[in-house]
Protein backbone atom coordinates (compact mmCIF):
# COMPACT_ATOMS: atom_id res chain seq x y z
CA MET A 1 16.33 29.23 -1.83
CA ALA A 2 19.85 30.34 -0.85
CA GLY A 3 22.76 27.92 -0.58
CA ARG A 4 23.98 25.06 -2.68
CA ALA A 5 21.52 22.74 -4.39
CA ALA A 6 21.08 19.40 -2.69
CA PRO A 7 22.39 16.33 -4.51
CA ALA A 8 19.84 14.64 -6.78
CA ALA A 9 19.75 11.57 -4.53
CA GLN A 10 18.29 13.64 -1.71
CA PHE A 11 15.07 14.05 -3.70
CA GLU A 12 14.49 10.29 -3.77
CA GLN A 13 12.79 8.68 -0.82
CA ALA A 14 14.99 6.45 1.27
CA GLY A 15 11.96 4.27 1.99
CA GLU A 16 8.89 3.65 -0.17
CA LEU A 17 5.72 3.33 1.91
CA LYS A 18 2.82 1.33 0.46
CA ILE A 19 -0.53 0.80 2.15
CA GLY A 20 -1.82 -2.76 2.46
CA GLN A 21 -5.43 -3.93 2.32
CA VAL A 22 -5.78 -4.20 6.10
CA GLY A 23 -4.28 -0.81 6.86
CA ILE A 24 -0.78 -2.16 7.57
CA ALA A 25 1.92 -0.24 5.72
CA ASN A 26 4.85 -1.90 3.95
CA LEU A 27 8.02 0.21 4.15
CA ARG A 28 10.48 -0.99 1.52
CA ILE A 29 13.92 0.31 2.42
CA ARG A 30 15.68 1.78 -0.61
CA THR A 31 18.63 3.42 1.16
CA LEU A 32 19.72 2.34 4.63
CA ASP A 33 20.10 5.88 5.94
CA VAL A 34 18.52 5.71 9.38
CA GLU A 35 18.27 9.48 9.90
CA ARG A 36 16.66 10.07 6.48
CA LEU A 37 14.18 7.26 7.03
CA GLY A 38 13.25 8.69 10.41
CA ALA A 39 12.84 12.19 8.95
CA GLU A 40 10.59 10.86 6.17
CA MET A 41 8.40 9.06 8.68
CA ARG A 42 8.18 12.14 10.92
CA ASP A 43 7.02 14.12 7.88
CA ARG A 44 4.35 11.52 7.04
CA VAL A 45 3.06 11.51 10.62
CA ALA A 46 3.04 15.31 10.77
CA ARG A 47 1.05 15.58 7.51
CA ALA A 48 -1.48 12.86 8.34
CA PRO A 49 -1.36 12.01 12.07
CA LYS A 50 -4.71 10.20 12.02
CA LEU A 51 -3.35 7.78 9.43
CA PHE A 52 0.29 7.25 10.35
CA GLU A 53 0.65 7.96 14.07
CA ARG A 54 1.12 4.58 15.78
CA ALA A 55 0.53 2.90 12.41
CA ALA A 56 1.68 -0.72 12.10
CA VAL A 57 4.61 -0.95 9.66
CA ILE A 58 6.23 -3.97 7.99
CA LEU A 59 9.94 -3.42 7.25
CA ASP A 60 11.02 -4.77 3.86
CA PHE A 61 14.80 -4.96 3.28
CA GLY A 62 14.38 -6.64 -0.13
CA GLY A 63 15.41 -3.47 -1.97
CA LEU A 64 18.91 -3.58 -0.45
CA PRO A 65 21.83 -5.63 -1.80
CA VAL A 66 22.33 -7.22 1.65
CA SER A 67 20.29 -7.27 4.83
CA PRO A 68 21.45 -4.88 7.58
CA ASP A 69 23.06 -6.16 10.74
CA ALA A 70 20.95 -6.41 13.88
CA SER A 71 22.29 -3.22 15.48
CA THR A 72 21.52 -1.10 12.39
CA ALA A 73 18.07 -2.63 12.02
CA GLN A 74 17.35 -1.99 15.69
CA ALA A 75 18.48 1.63 15.28
CA LEU A 76 16.02 1.96 12.39
CA ILE A 77 13.20 0.46 14.45
CA ASP A 78 13.98 2.89 17.28
CA VAL A 79 13.99 5.96 15.04
CA LEU A 80 10.72 4.92 13.37
CA ARG A 81 9.11 4.49 16.79
CA ASP A 82 10.41 7.89 17.84
CA ALA A 83 8.82 9.29 14.65
CA GLY A 84 5.45 7.86 15.68
CA ALA A 85 5.22 4.60 13.67
CA MET A 86 5.11 1.07 15.09
CA PRO A 87 7.34 -1.48 13.27
CA VAL A 88 5.73 -4.86 13.94
CA ALA A 89 7.43 -7.35 11.59
CA LEU A 90 9.87 -7.93 8.75
CA ALA A 91 8.73 -8.83 5.24
CA TRP A 92 9.68 -12.25 3.94
CA GLY A 93 13.14 -12.54 2.42
CA SER A 94 16.26 -14.69 2.59
CA ASN A 95 17.42 -17.00 5.38
CA GLU A 96 19.66 -14.13 6.48
CA ASN A 97 16.57 -11.94 6.77
CA ALA A 98 14.80 -14.62 8.83
CA ALA A 99 17.78 -14.75 11.19
CA LEU A 100 17.67 -10.96 11.48
CA ALA A 101 13.98 -11.09 12.42
CA GLU A 102 14.75 -13.65 15.12
CA ALA A 103 17.56 -11.48 16.51
CA LEU A 104 15.18 -8.51 16.64
CA GLY A 105 12.38 -10.51 18.24
CA LEU A 106 10.02 -9.78 15.34
CA PRO A 107 7.88 -12.12 13.20
CA VAL A 108 8.30 -12.54 9.44
CA LEU A 109 5.20 -11.93 7.31
CA SER A 110 5.37 -13.42 3.83
CA LYS A 111 2.30 -12.07 2.04
CA PHE A 112 3.33 -8.40 2.17
CA ARG A 113 6.58 -8.99 0.30
CA ALA A 114 4.96 -11.37 -2.20
CA GLN A 115 2.14 -8.93 -2.93
CA TYR A 116 4.56 -6.03 -3.34
CA GLU A 117 6.80 -7.88 -5.78
CA SER A 118 3.92 -9.23 -7.87
CA ALA A 119 2.78 -5.65 -8.45
CA GLU A 120 6.27 -4.53 -9.50
CA ALA A 121 7.65 -7.32 -11.61
CA GLY A 122 5.12 -10.11 -11.87
CA VAL A 123 5.13 -13.34 -9.96
CA ALA A 124 7.98 -15.67 -10.87
CA PRO A 125 6.75 -18.83 -12.60
CA ALA A 126 6.64 -21.96 -10.49
CA PRO A 127 9.05 -24.75 -11.43
CA PRO A 128 7.52 -27.28 -13.85
CA ARG A 129 6.10 -30.44 -12.38
CA THR A 130 6.55 -33.81 -14.03
CA ALA A 131 3.30 -35.65 -14.63
CA PRO A 132 3.10 -39.25 -13.37
CA VAL A 133 4.22 -41.79 -15.97
CA SER A 134 0.89 -43.61 -15.83
CA GLU A 135 -1.19 -40.49 -16.50
CA PRO A 136 -1.09 -38.01 -19.37
CA ALA A 137 -0.28 -34.43 -18.49
CA PRO A 138 -3.51 -32.43 -18.11
CA ALA A 139 -4.35 -29.75 -20.65
CA PRO A 140 -3.65 -26.21 -19.39
CA ALA A 141 -6.70 -24.66 -17.79
CA LYS A 142 -8.04 -21.33 -18.93
CA ALA A 143 -7.01 -18.42 -16.74
CA ALA A 144 -9.70 -17.37 -14.31
CA PRO A 145 -10.98 -13.81 -14.72
CA ALA A 146 -9.50 -11.24 -12.34
CA SER A 147 -12.93 -10.56 -10.85
CA SER A 148 -14.98 -13.73 -10.56
CA GLU A 149 -17.81 -12.27 -8.47
CA PRO A 150 -20.32 -9.50 -9.16
CA GLY A 151 -19.51 -6.15 -7.62
CA LEU A 152 -20.40 -5.45 -4.00
CA ILE A 153 -23.04 -2.73 -3.54
CA GLN A 154 -23.32 -0.86 -0.23
CA THR A 155 -26.60 1.06 -0.03
CA THR A 156 -26.08 2.74 3.36
CA ALA A 157 -23.36 5.04 4.67
CA VAL A 158 -20.01 3.61 5.79
CA ARG A 159 -19.55 5.28 9.16
CA SER A 160 -16.50 6.22 11.23
CA GLY A 161 -14.63 3.15 12.46
CA GLN A 162 -16.25 0.81 9.93
CA GLN A 163 -14.29 -1.08 7.26
CA LEU A 164 -15.83 -2.51 4.10
CA TYR A 165 -13.87 -4.90 1.84
CA ALA A 166 -14.90 -6.14 -1.61
CA GLN A 167 -12.73 -9.20 -2.19
CA SER A 168 -11.94 -10.06 -5.84
CA ARG A 169 -14.47 -7.51 -7.12
CA ASP A 170 -15.44 -3.87 -7.46
CA LEU A 171 -17.17 -1.89 -4.72
CA THR A 172 -20.01 0.60 -5.19
CA VAL A 173 -21.14 2.79 -2.28
CA LEU A 174 -24.45 4.56 -2.92
CA SER A 175 -24.09 6.78 0.14
CA GLN A 176 -21.18 8.50 1.89
CA VAL A 177 -17.93 7.19 3.36
CA GLY A 178 -17.51 9.04 6.64
CA ALA A 179 -14.33 10.37 8.23
CA GLY A 180 -12.49 7.51 9.93
CA ALA A 181 -14.17 4.88 7.74
CA GLU A 182 -12.30 2.68 5.26
CA VAL A 183 -13.46 1.10 1.99
CA ILE A 184 -11.24 -1.44 0.23
CA ALA A 185 -11.64 -3.35 -3.03
CA ASP A 186 -9.46 -5.66 -5.08
CA GLY A 187 -11.08 -3.96 -8.08
CA SER A 188 -12.32 -0.39 -8.55
CA ILE A 189 -14.32 1.73 -6.10
CA HIS A 190 -17.33 3.90 -7.01
CA ILE A 191 -18.70 6.30 -4.37
CA TYR A 192 -21.87 8.25 -5.13
CA GLY A 193 -21.74 10.38 -1.98
CA PRO A 194 -18.94 12.28 -0.22
CA LEU A 195 -15.69 10.43 0.44
CA ARG A 196 -14.23 11.61 3.76
CA GLY A 197 -12.45 8.48 4.95
CA ARG A 198 -9.99 6.17 3.21
CA ALA A 199 -10.45 4.40 -0.12
CA LEU A 200 -8.00 1.69 -1.24
CA ALA A 201 -8.56 0.18 -4.71
CA GLY A 202 -6.54 -2.58 -6.34
CA ALA A 203 -5.74 -3.93 -2.88
CA LYS A 204 -4.03 -7.05 -4.23
CA GLY A 205 -1.89 -5.14 -6.71
CA ASN A 206 -4.32 -4.46 -9.60
CA ALA A 207 -2.77 -1.33 -11.12
CA ASP A 208 -5.74 -0.91 -13.51
CA ALA A 209 -8.20 -0.30 -10.67
CA ARG A 210 -9.63 3.19 -10.21
CA ILE A 211 -11.51 5.23 -7.62
CA PHE A 212 -14.46 7.43 -8.57
CA CYS A 213 -16.29 9.69 -6.14
CA ARG A 214 -18.84 12.47 -6.37
CA SER A 215 -17.44 14.70 -3.59
CA PHE A 216 -13.76 14.35 -2.70
CA HIS A 217 -12.62 15.02 0.89
CA ALA A 218 -10.65 11.79 1.40
CA GLU A 219 -8.20 11.27 4.26
CA LEU A 220 -6.32 8.86 1.99
CA VAL A 221 -6.73 7.28 -1.45
CA ALA A 222 -4.60 4.43 -2.77
CA VAL A 223 -4.39 2.29 -5.91
CA ALA A 224 -2.26 -0.87 -5.78
CA GLY A 225 -0.57 0.46 -2.63
CA HIS A 226 0.41 3.86 -4.07
CA TYR A 227 -1.28 6.48 -1.93
CA LYS A 228 -1.88 10.18 -1.35
CA VAL A 229 -3.33 11.96 1.67
CA LEU A 230 -5.58 15.02 1.55
CA ASP A 231 -2.67 17.42 2.08
CA ASP A 232 -1.10 16.08 -1.13
CA ILE A 233 -4.19 16.93 -3.21
CA PRO A 234 -4.61 20.33 -4.94
CA ARG A 235 -7.20 22.36 -3.04
CA GLU A 236 -9.18 23.01 -6.21
CA LEU A 237 -10.12 19.30 -6.24
CA HIS A 238 -11.52 19.30 -2.69
CA GLY A 239 -15.26 18.72 -2.81
CA LYS A 240 -15.20 17.93 -6.54
CA ALA A 241 -16.18 14.82 -8.44
CA VAL A 242 -12.87 13.10 -9.22
CA GLN A 243 -11.28 9.93 -10.47
CA VAL A 244 -8.08 8.41 -9.11
CA TRP A 245 -5.83 6.09 -11.11
CA LEU A 246 -2.27 4.85 -11.43
CA GLU A 247 -0.07 5.88 -14.34
CA HIS A 248 3.56 4.75 -14.56
CA ASP A 249 3.61 4.06 -10.79
CA GLU A 250 2.36 7.60 -10.06
CA LEU A 251 -1.05 8.22 -8.50
CA LYS A 252 -3.11 10.66 -10.57
CA ILE A 253 -6.21 12.55 -9.43
CA ALA A 254 -8.34 14.63 -11.79
CA ALA A 255 -11.79 16.20 -11.83
CA LEU A 256 -14.50 14.37 -13.74
CA GLU A 257 -16.00 16.33 -16.60
């Protein structure tokens, strides 16, 4: 391509979009460049309009050294709406962030920020509690297993408009997942028919979760919030049996042997 090479920073996203377990996206702002953020969102909507057009978005300013002022935040909200997204709340943060949300007339949602940070850096330990003087401190309990319930098995097709969620366990679908349908699991997802809708594994941040399907045509796949849409997938994998997993915060998709 003719012309000078763009600076390296231009190849990094100004905002990292992660998909939550109820279809609400968390947009963590990395660089407060309103025009770049708007351009990135327009590109996402153009590539996958069924997924991102009028999609509910949580704005997370936790990746910035300081929260933006109300006028800058409002300009960002406006440009995201013009791009086709629908900012609906701010992620939990500091008291300054709470004041910003009030000035913007938006609610603050705590679980999106907490879930995001636990996936990145682990949950900070709670402060120690002092046991009552009259009672000995209890012995530490054994950690509960990540998946305390047997896997959920769906024997019939998941049809357009339906959503199926396997909480704290794996999900196995013995039939197809139709276009416009959504399957979600806190563990891994196994699909023995065609996958044409969305599949979100590791919904609560389990980066070891995987997705397996026999015939890949997915609108979107995600593991621990990291996602790809069909346009991001090499065409030679369309219709193939594949597995999807997360490796060093990068979503990988490969054909099954």
